[in-house]
Protein backbone atom coordinates (compact mmCIF):
# COMPACT_ATOMS: atom_id res chain seq x y z
CA GLU A 1 0.01 -0.01 0.01
CA MET A 2 1.24 3.50 -0.89
CA ASP A 3 0.36 6.36 1.43
CA ASP A 4 0.35 10.10 0.65
CA LEU A 5 3.79 10.60 2.20
CA ARG A 6 5.40 8.16 -0.20
CA LEU A 7 3.37 9.14 -3.27
CA ALA A 8 5.19 12.46 -3.73
CA PRO A 9 8.70 10.91 -3.82
CA LEU A 10 7.37 8.11 -6.08
CA MET A 11 6.09 10.63 -8.59
CA ARG A 12 9.30 12.65 -8.34
CA GLU A 13 11.41 9.57 -9.09
CA MET A 14 9.20 8.56 -11.98
CA LYS A 15 9.48 12.01 -13.53
CA GLU A 16 13.28 12.00 -13.15
CA LEU A 17 13.67 8.58 -14.79
CA LEU A 18 11.29 9.42 -17.67
CA CYS A 19 13.06 12.71 -18.29
CA GLU A 20 16.39 10.85 -18.41
CA GLN A 21 14.94 8.50 -21.01
CA LEU A 22 12.87 10.97 -23.12
CA GLY A 23 14.37 14.39 -22.50
CA GLU A 24 14.27 16.97 -19.71
CA GLU A 25 10.95 18.51 -20.93
CA ALA A 26 9.26 15.21 -21.69
CA VAL A 27 7.05 14.95 -18.58
CA VAL A 28 4.28 17.57 -18.78
CA SER A 29 2.39 16.34 -15.73
CA ILE A 30 1.56 13.37 -13.59
CA VAL A 31 -2.08 13.16 -12.53
CA ASP A 32 -2.63 11.21 -9.25
CA GLU A 33 -6.33 11.73 -8.48
CA HIS A 34 -7.21 8.03 -9.10
CA PHE A 35 -4.19 6.68 -7.25
CA LEU A 36 -5.58 6.01 -3.79
CA GLN A 37 -8.54 4.06 -5.29
CA LEU A 38 -6.99 2.36 -8.30
CA HIS A 39 -3.22 2.64 -7.74
CA ARG A 40 -3.01 4.24 -11.14
CA LEU A 41 -1.17 7.36 -12.35
CA PHE A 42 -1.76 9.23 -15.62
CA VAL A 43 1.46 10.60 -17.09
CA CYS A 44 1.27 13.18 -19.87
CA LEU A 45 4.37 13.06 -22.06
CA LEU A 46 5.72 15.21 -24.87
CA ALA A 47 7.36 12.42 -26.81
CA SER A 48 7.03 10.43 -30.02
CA ALA A 49 5.32 7.07 -30.15
CA GLU A 50 8.61 5.57 -31.28
CA ASP A 51 10.45 6.85 -28.20
CA CYS A 52 7.68 5.56 -25.93
CA GLN A 53 7.85 2.17 -27.59
CA ARG A 54 11.66 2.18 -27.12
CA ILE A 55 11.48 2.59 -23.36
CA TRP A 56 8.21 0.71 -22.72
CA ASP A 57 9.84 -2.61 -21.77
CA SER A 58 11.98 -0.92 -19.12
CA TRP A 59 8.75 -0.10 -17.25
CA ARG A 60 7.26 -3.62 -17.27
CA PRO A 61 7.75 -3.53 -14.35
CA ARG A 62 10.23 -1.08 -12.84
CA LYS A 63 11.23 -0.94 -9.19
CA LEU A 64 11.24 2.46 -7.49
CA LEU A 65 11.98 3.91 -4.11
CA SER A 66 14.84 1.50 -3.55
CA GLY A 67 12.63 -1.49 -4.30
CA ALA A 68 9.80 -0.40 -1.97
CA ALA A 69 7.45 0.21 -4.93
CA THR A 70 6.91 -1.22 -8.38
CA ALA A 71 5.51 0.71 -11.38
CA THR A 72 4.19 -0.92 -14.58
CA TRP A 73 3.44 0.94 -17.81
CA ARG A 74 -0.04 -0.48 -18.46
CA ASP A 75 -1.41 1.29 -21.49
CA THR A 76 -0.93 4.31 -23.79
CA ILE A 77 -3.05 6.97 -25.42
CA ASP A 78 -1.26 8.28 -28.53
CA ALA A 79 -3.01 11.61 -29.13
CA GLY A 80 -1.24 11.90 -32.52
CA SER A 81 -2.12 8.39 -33.74
CA SER A 82 -4.11 8.04 -36.93
CA ARG A 83 -5.98 5.20 -35.19
CA LEU A 84 -7.45 7.43 -32.46
CA VAL A 85 -10.27 9.08 -34.51
CA PRO A 86 -11.47 5.84 -36.18
CA ARG A 87 -11.66 4.25 -32.71
CA LEU A 88 -13.61 7.24 -31.45
CA LYS A 89 -16.06 7.07 -34.38
CA SER A 90 -17.00 3.48 -33.42
CA CYS A 91 -18.11 4.66 -29.95
CA TRP A 92 -20.00 7.84 -30.86
CA ASN A 93 -23.70 7.98 -29.98
CA PRO A 94 -24.73 4.37 -30.86
CA MET A 95 -28.31 5.14 -29.77
CA ARG A 96 -28.63 8.14 -32.12
CA LEU A 97 -29.70 10.45 -29.36
CA ASP A 98 -29.93 14.26 -29.45
CA MET A 99 -26.40 15.56 -28.98
CA ASP A 100 -26.34 19.33 -29.27
CA GLY A 101 -24.25 20.07 -26.22
CA MET A 102 -21.13 19.35 -24.26
CA SER A 103 -20.06 19.92 -20.64
CA LEU A 104 -16.30 20.27 -20.15
CA GLU A 105 -14.54 20.47 -16.78
CA ILE A 106 -11.95 23.22 -16.54
CA PRO A 107 -9.94 24.48 -13.54
CA SER A 108 -11.80 27.40 -11.96
CA LYS A 109 -8.67 29.54 -12.25
CA TRP A 110 -8.97 29.26 -16.05
CA ALA A 111 -12.55 30.63 -16.10
CA THR A 112 -11.34 34.23 -16.89
CA LYS A 113 -14.18 35.58 -14.76
CA GLU A 114 -15.36 34.96 -11.25
CA VAL A 115 -18.28 32.51 -11.25
CA ASN A 116 -20.38 32.26 -8.10
CA LYS A 117 -22.90 29.85 -9.60
CA ALA A 118 -23.42 30.41 -13.32
CA ALA A 119 -22.48 33.01 -15.90
CA LYS A 120 -23.05 33.43 -19.64
CA CYS A 121 -20.09 33.74 -21.97
CA MET A 122 -20.79 36.44 -24.55
CA PRO A 123 -19.71 36.16 -28.21
CA GLY A 124 -16.08 37.25 -28.57
CA SER A 125 -15.15 36.11 -25.05
CA HIS A 126 -12.35 33.62 -24.49
CA TRP A 127 -14.44 30.48 -23.83
CA HIS A 128 -17.05 31.35 -26.43
CA GLU A 129 -14.30 31.56 -29.03
CA PHE A 130 -12.89 28.26 -27.72
CA ALA A 131 -16.26 26.53 -28.24
CA ARG A 132 -16.48 27.96 -31.78
CA ILE A 133 -13.43 25.86 -32.73
CA PHE A 134 -15.79 22.86 -32.99
CA GLY A 135 -18.77 24.40 -34.77
CA GLU A 136 -21.52 27.02 -34.70
CA VAL A 137 -22.30 27.97 -31.09
CA LEU A 138 -25.68 29.18 -29.71
CA GLU A 139 -24.93 29.43 -26.00
CA VAL A 140 -21.97 29.05 -23.66
CA ASP A 141 -22.23 28.94 -19.83
CA LEU A 142 -19.71 28.71 -17.01
CA VAL A 143 -21.10 26.90 -13.97
CA ALA A 144 -19.26 26.67 -10.68
CA SER A 145 -18.90 23.04 -9.67
CA HIS A 146 -17.05 21.28 -6.83
CA SER A 147 -13.94 22.82 -5.33
CA GLY A 148 -11.55 24.15 -7.97
CA ILE A 149 -13.64 23.00 -10.98
CA THR A 150 -15.92 24.97 -13.32
CA GLN A 151 -18.19 23.36 -15.95
CA LEU A 152 -18.07 24.87 -19.45
CA VAL A 153 -21.51 24.01 -20.93
CA VAL A 154 -21.91 24.62 -24.64
CA ARG A 155 -24.98 24.54 -26.89
CA PHE A 156 -24.10 23.91 -30.53
CA ALA A 157 -26.36 24.67 -33.49
CA ASP A 158 -26.54 20.93 -34.24
CA SER A 159 -24.91 17.64 -33.38
CA SER A 160 -21.94 18.17 -35.67
CA GLY A 161 -20.40 20.60 -33.19
CA ALA A 162 -20.57 18.06 -30.34
CA TYR A 163 -19.13 15.37 -32.65
CA ALA A 164 -16.24 17.58 -33.72
CA ALA A 165 -15.45 18.35 -30.06
CA TYR A 166 -15.62 14.63 -29.23
CA LYS A 167 -13.06 13.78 -31.93
CA LYS A 168 -10.69 16.62 -31.04
CA LEU A 169 -10.82 16.51 -27.21
CA SER A 170 -11.11 12.85 -26.29
CA GLY A 171 -7.94 11.30 -24.96
CA ARG A 172 -6.15 14.62 -24.66
CA CYS A 173 -5.28 17.35 -22.18
CA LEU A 174 -5.74 21.11 -22.01
CA TYR A 175 -2.89 23.15 -20.70
CA LYS A 176 -1.83 26.82 -20.44
CA SER A 177 1.76 25.86 -19.73
CA HIS A 178 3.80 22.75 -18.93
CA LYS A 179 3.01 23.36 -15.24
CA ASP A 180 -0.69 24.08 -15.63
CA LEU A 181 -2.37 21.05 -17.23
CA SER A 182 -5.86 19.61 -16.96
CA LEU A 183 -6.89 16.13 -18.09
CA ILE A 184 -9.98 16.55 -20.28
CA ARG A 185 -13.27 15.37 -18.80
CA VAL A 186 -16.21 16.03 -21.02
CA VAL A 187 -19.82 14.83 -21.31
CA TYR A 188 -21.93 15.05 -24.49
CA GLY A 189 -25.72 15.17 -24.65
CA SER A 190 -28.63 17.64 -24.87
CA TYR A 191 -27.62 21.14 -23.81
CA ALA A 192 -30.68 21.53 -21.54
CA ASN A 193 -29.93 18.31 -19.69
CA LEU A 194 -26.21 19.01 -19.30
CA LEU A 195 -26.84 22.56 -18.04
CA GLY A 196 -29.45 21.26 -15.56
CA LYS A 197 -26.97 18.67 -14.24
CA ALA A 198 -24.22 21.29 -13.92
CA LEU A 199 -26.50 23.64 -11.98
CA ARG A 200 -27.48 20.77 -9.66
CA GLY A 201 -23.85 19.81 -9.12
CA VAL A 202 -24.30 16.37 -10.74
CA THR A 203 -21.04 14.98 -12.21
CA THR A 204 -20.59 12.11 -14.66
CA PRO A 205 -16.87 11.45 -14.58
CA TRP A 206 -17.06 8.29 -16.68
CA SER A 207 -18.10 9.76 -20.01
CA CYS A 208 -15.60 10.15 -22.84
CA GLN A 209 -12.58 10.23 -20.65
CA ALA A 210 -9.09 9.37 -21.59
CA LYS A 211 -9.37 6.09 -19.70
CA ASP A 212 -11.86 4.86 -22.36
CA LEU A 213 -9.25 5.30 -25.10
CA THR A 214 -6.17 3.48 -23.86
CA GLU A 215 -4.43 0.99 -26.07
CA PRO A 216 -3.78 -2.46 -24.60
CA GLY A 217 -0.36 -3.87 -25.29
CA GLY A 218 1.49 -0.59 -24.78
CA PRO A 219 2.52 1.87 -27.49
CA GLY A 220 1.64 0.58 -30.93
CA GLY A 221 -0.50 -2.21 -29.50
CA PRO A 222 -3.79 -3.38 -31.07
CA GLY A 223 -6.83 -1.23 -30.80
CA ALA A 224 -8.90 -3.84 -28.93
CA PRO A 225 -8.64 -7.44 -27.68
CA GLY A 226 -7.88 -9.77 -30.56
CA GLY A 227 -6.99 -6.89 -32.86
CA ASP A 228 -10.14 -7.51 -34.96
CA GLY A 229 -12.00 -4.29 -34.20
CA PRO A 230 -13.15 -2.26 -31.22
CA GLY A 231 -14.99 -5.10 -29.50
CA PRO A 232 -18.33 -4.80 -27.65
CA VAL A 233 -19.34 -1.59 -25.98
CA PHE A 234 -21.41 -2.25 -22.83
CA GLU A 235 -23.98 0.43 -21.87
CA LEU A 236 -25.65 0.71 -18.46
CA PHE A 237 -28.30 3.28 -17.51
CA PRO A 238 -30.74 3.82 -14.63
CA LEU A 239 -34.27 2.54 -14.94
CA ARG A 240 -37.26 4.38 -13.47
CA PRO A 241 -40.91 3.38 -13.79
CA GLY A 242 -42.33 4.85 -16.95
CA GLU A 243 -39.17 6.76 -17.86
CA ARG A 244 -36.39 6.37 -20.40
CA ALA A 245 -32.77 6.89 -19.44
CA LYS A 246 -31.84 10.54 -19.66
CA LEU A 247 -28.97 11.77 -21.78
CA GLY A 248 -25.71 11.91 -19.84
CA GLU A 249 -26.72 9.02 -17.56
CA VAL A 250 -25.42 6.25 -19.80
CA LEU A 251 -22.28 4.50 -18.57
CA ARG A 252 -20.24 3.02 -21.37
CA ILE A 253 -17.63 0.32 -20.61
CA VAL A 254 -15.21 -0.55 -23.37
CA PRO A 255 -12.66 -3.39 -23.76
CA TRP A 256 -9.72 -1.03 -24.37
CA GLY A 257 -10.50 0.95 -21.21
CA PRO A 258 -9.93 -0.14 -17.56
CA SER A 259 -11.05 -3.69 -16.79
CA ILE A 260 -12.59 -2.68 -13.44
CA ILE A 261 -15.09 0.17 -12.89
CA THR A 262 -16.02 1.20 -9.31
CA VAL A 263 -19.51 2.36 -8.33
CA GLY A 264 -20.49 4.30 -5.19
CA LYS A 265 -21.14 7.57 -3.41
CA ASN A 266 -17.45 8.37 -3.00
CA ARG A 267 -16.44 11.10 -5.49
CA LYS A 268 -13.38 9.08 -6.43
CA CYS A 269 -15.53 6.21 -7.80
CA ASP A 270 -15.64 5.89 -11.61
CA LEU A 271 -19.45 6.01 -11.42
CA TYR A 272 -20.28 8.55 -8.72
CA VAL A 273 -23.93 8.25 -7.52
CA THR A 274 -25.37 11.48 -6.05
CA ASP A 275 -28.90 10.29 -5.12
CA GLU A 276 -28.97 10.17 -1.31
CA MET A 277 -32.17 8.10 -1.37
CA ALA A 278 -30.66 5.34 -3.51
CA GLY A 279 -29.13 3.37 -0.57
CA VAL A 280 -25.72 3.35 -2.22
CA SER A 281 -22.58 2.78 -0.17
CA ASN A 282 -19.40 4.80 -0.56
CA SER A 283 -17.86 1.83 -2.37
CA HIS A 284 -20.91 -0.09 -3.55
CA ALA A 285 -19.94 -2.46 -6.37
CA GLU A 286 -17.36 -3.26 -9.00
CA LEU A 287 -17.98 -3.85 -12.72
CA GLN A 288 -15.38 -6.03 -14.35
CA LEU A 289 -14.71 -7.07 -17.93
CA MET A 290 -13.49 -10.65 -18.35
CA GLN A 291 -12.42 -12.42 -21.53
CA SER A 292 -12.24 -16.09 -22.51
CA ARG A 293 -11.65 -17.82 -25.83
CA ALA A 294 -14.98 -19.60 -25.66
CA ALA A 295 -17.28 -16.82 -24.50
CA GLY A 296 -15.44 -13.66 -25.62
CA ILE A 297 -15.67 -10.49 -23.57
CA ARG A 298 -18.31 -10.42 -20.83
CA LEU A 299 -19.28 -7.98 -18.06
CA PHE A 300 -19.57 -9.04 -14.42
CA ILE A 301 -20.58 -7.30 -11.20
CA SER A 302 -19.49 -7.95 -7.59
CA ASP A 303 -20.77 -6.48 -4.34
CA SER A 304 -18.51 -4.35 -2.11
CA SER A 305 -21.28 -2.54 -0.16
CA LYS A 306 -22.72 -2.51 3.32
CA ASN A 307 -26.29 -2.33 1.96
CA GLY A 308 -26.19 -5.13 -0.57
CA THR A 309 -26.34 -5.24 -4.41
CA TRP A 310 -29.23 -6.76 -6.32
CA VAL A 311 -29.31 -8.08 -9.88
CA ASN A 312 -32.79 -8.89 -11.22
CA GLU A 313 -34.19 -8.78 -7.67
CA HIS A 314 -31.63 -11.33 -6.39
CA ARG A 315 -29.07 -10.18 -3.82
CA LEU A 316 -25.48 -10.97 -4.68
CA PRO A 317 -23.61 -13.14 -2.16
CA LYS A 318 -20.50 -11.50 -0.75
CA GLY A 319 -17.44 -12.39 -2.82
CA ALA A 320 -19.56 -13.71 -5.76
CA MET A 321 -19.57 -12.37 -9.31
CA ARG A 322 -22.65 -12.23 -11.52
CA GLU A 323 -22.63 -11.73 -15.25
CA LEU A 324 -24.66 -8.77 -16.54
CA LYS A 325 -26.63 -9.42 -19.72
CA ASP A 326 -28.92 -7.41 -21.99
CA GLY A 327 -32.21 -6.48 -20.46
């Protein structure tokens, strides 16, 4: 187990070693927000795919902190790869839903104006011009979210703007300088729904994140298990009597992303549940992708809660895994 006191020297040693291998300016940032939960760090590098491939084996694994810790280079997002956009296309809006908006998390210090709750961005302003990169813009809002984060909510004239943003932003970072970087987290859907969620303080950290775009097998590896295409995309959404799932509430799990997804009330969970009446524990359940030659890729759930987890009205035994199927 790695505590906070040892995490800082671990990251410092990782940065020093990577800079020795790739150049002194190679490490833009190391993002540690998922470390305590998943023991996973996201390292943003300014380096070629060839150089990453060259050093990849030296990190599989690599002992750090005088042997007290081990780091393994698990997967890679090559933001300059010609394979990134085709892979993104295969995941875009399979249900053909209305997609005229996006909600992008930015550091509050980047907001260019003080936002108490919500503020409109007028044409010609910095963030309005940023949104226009992707298409014709009708409305742009800045909405204050949790500590240090502001939501940039954009309404495009049609779905082509959201699609252009999806292709250009997914799997990448925004930064003002090498020392001021933000991993892109963005949700796409109907503008009205996204703005409503932002105003209510509802976050959906699973949608269209970089973790959904990683390449198994390291730099230059195949795009999905088996190398025969993107593989199945599993979609989960809440069910309410007489209602359809709302836009922005769909959780997509993909074979080239993380194999385990955590669910709970804790903000560090991959699927963060905000409904206090739902009886959800801080760490409620885990969704896990498993692959076999006979059955292919399947999705399973296991219970990690105090309140219990049910599948089709049957409570899961502790320690057991249940396959999730359509319906």
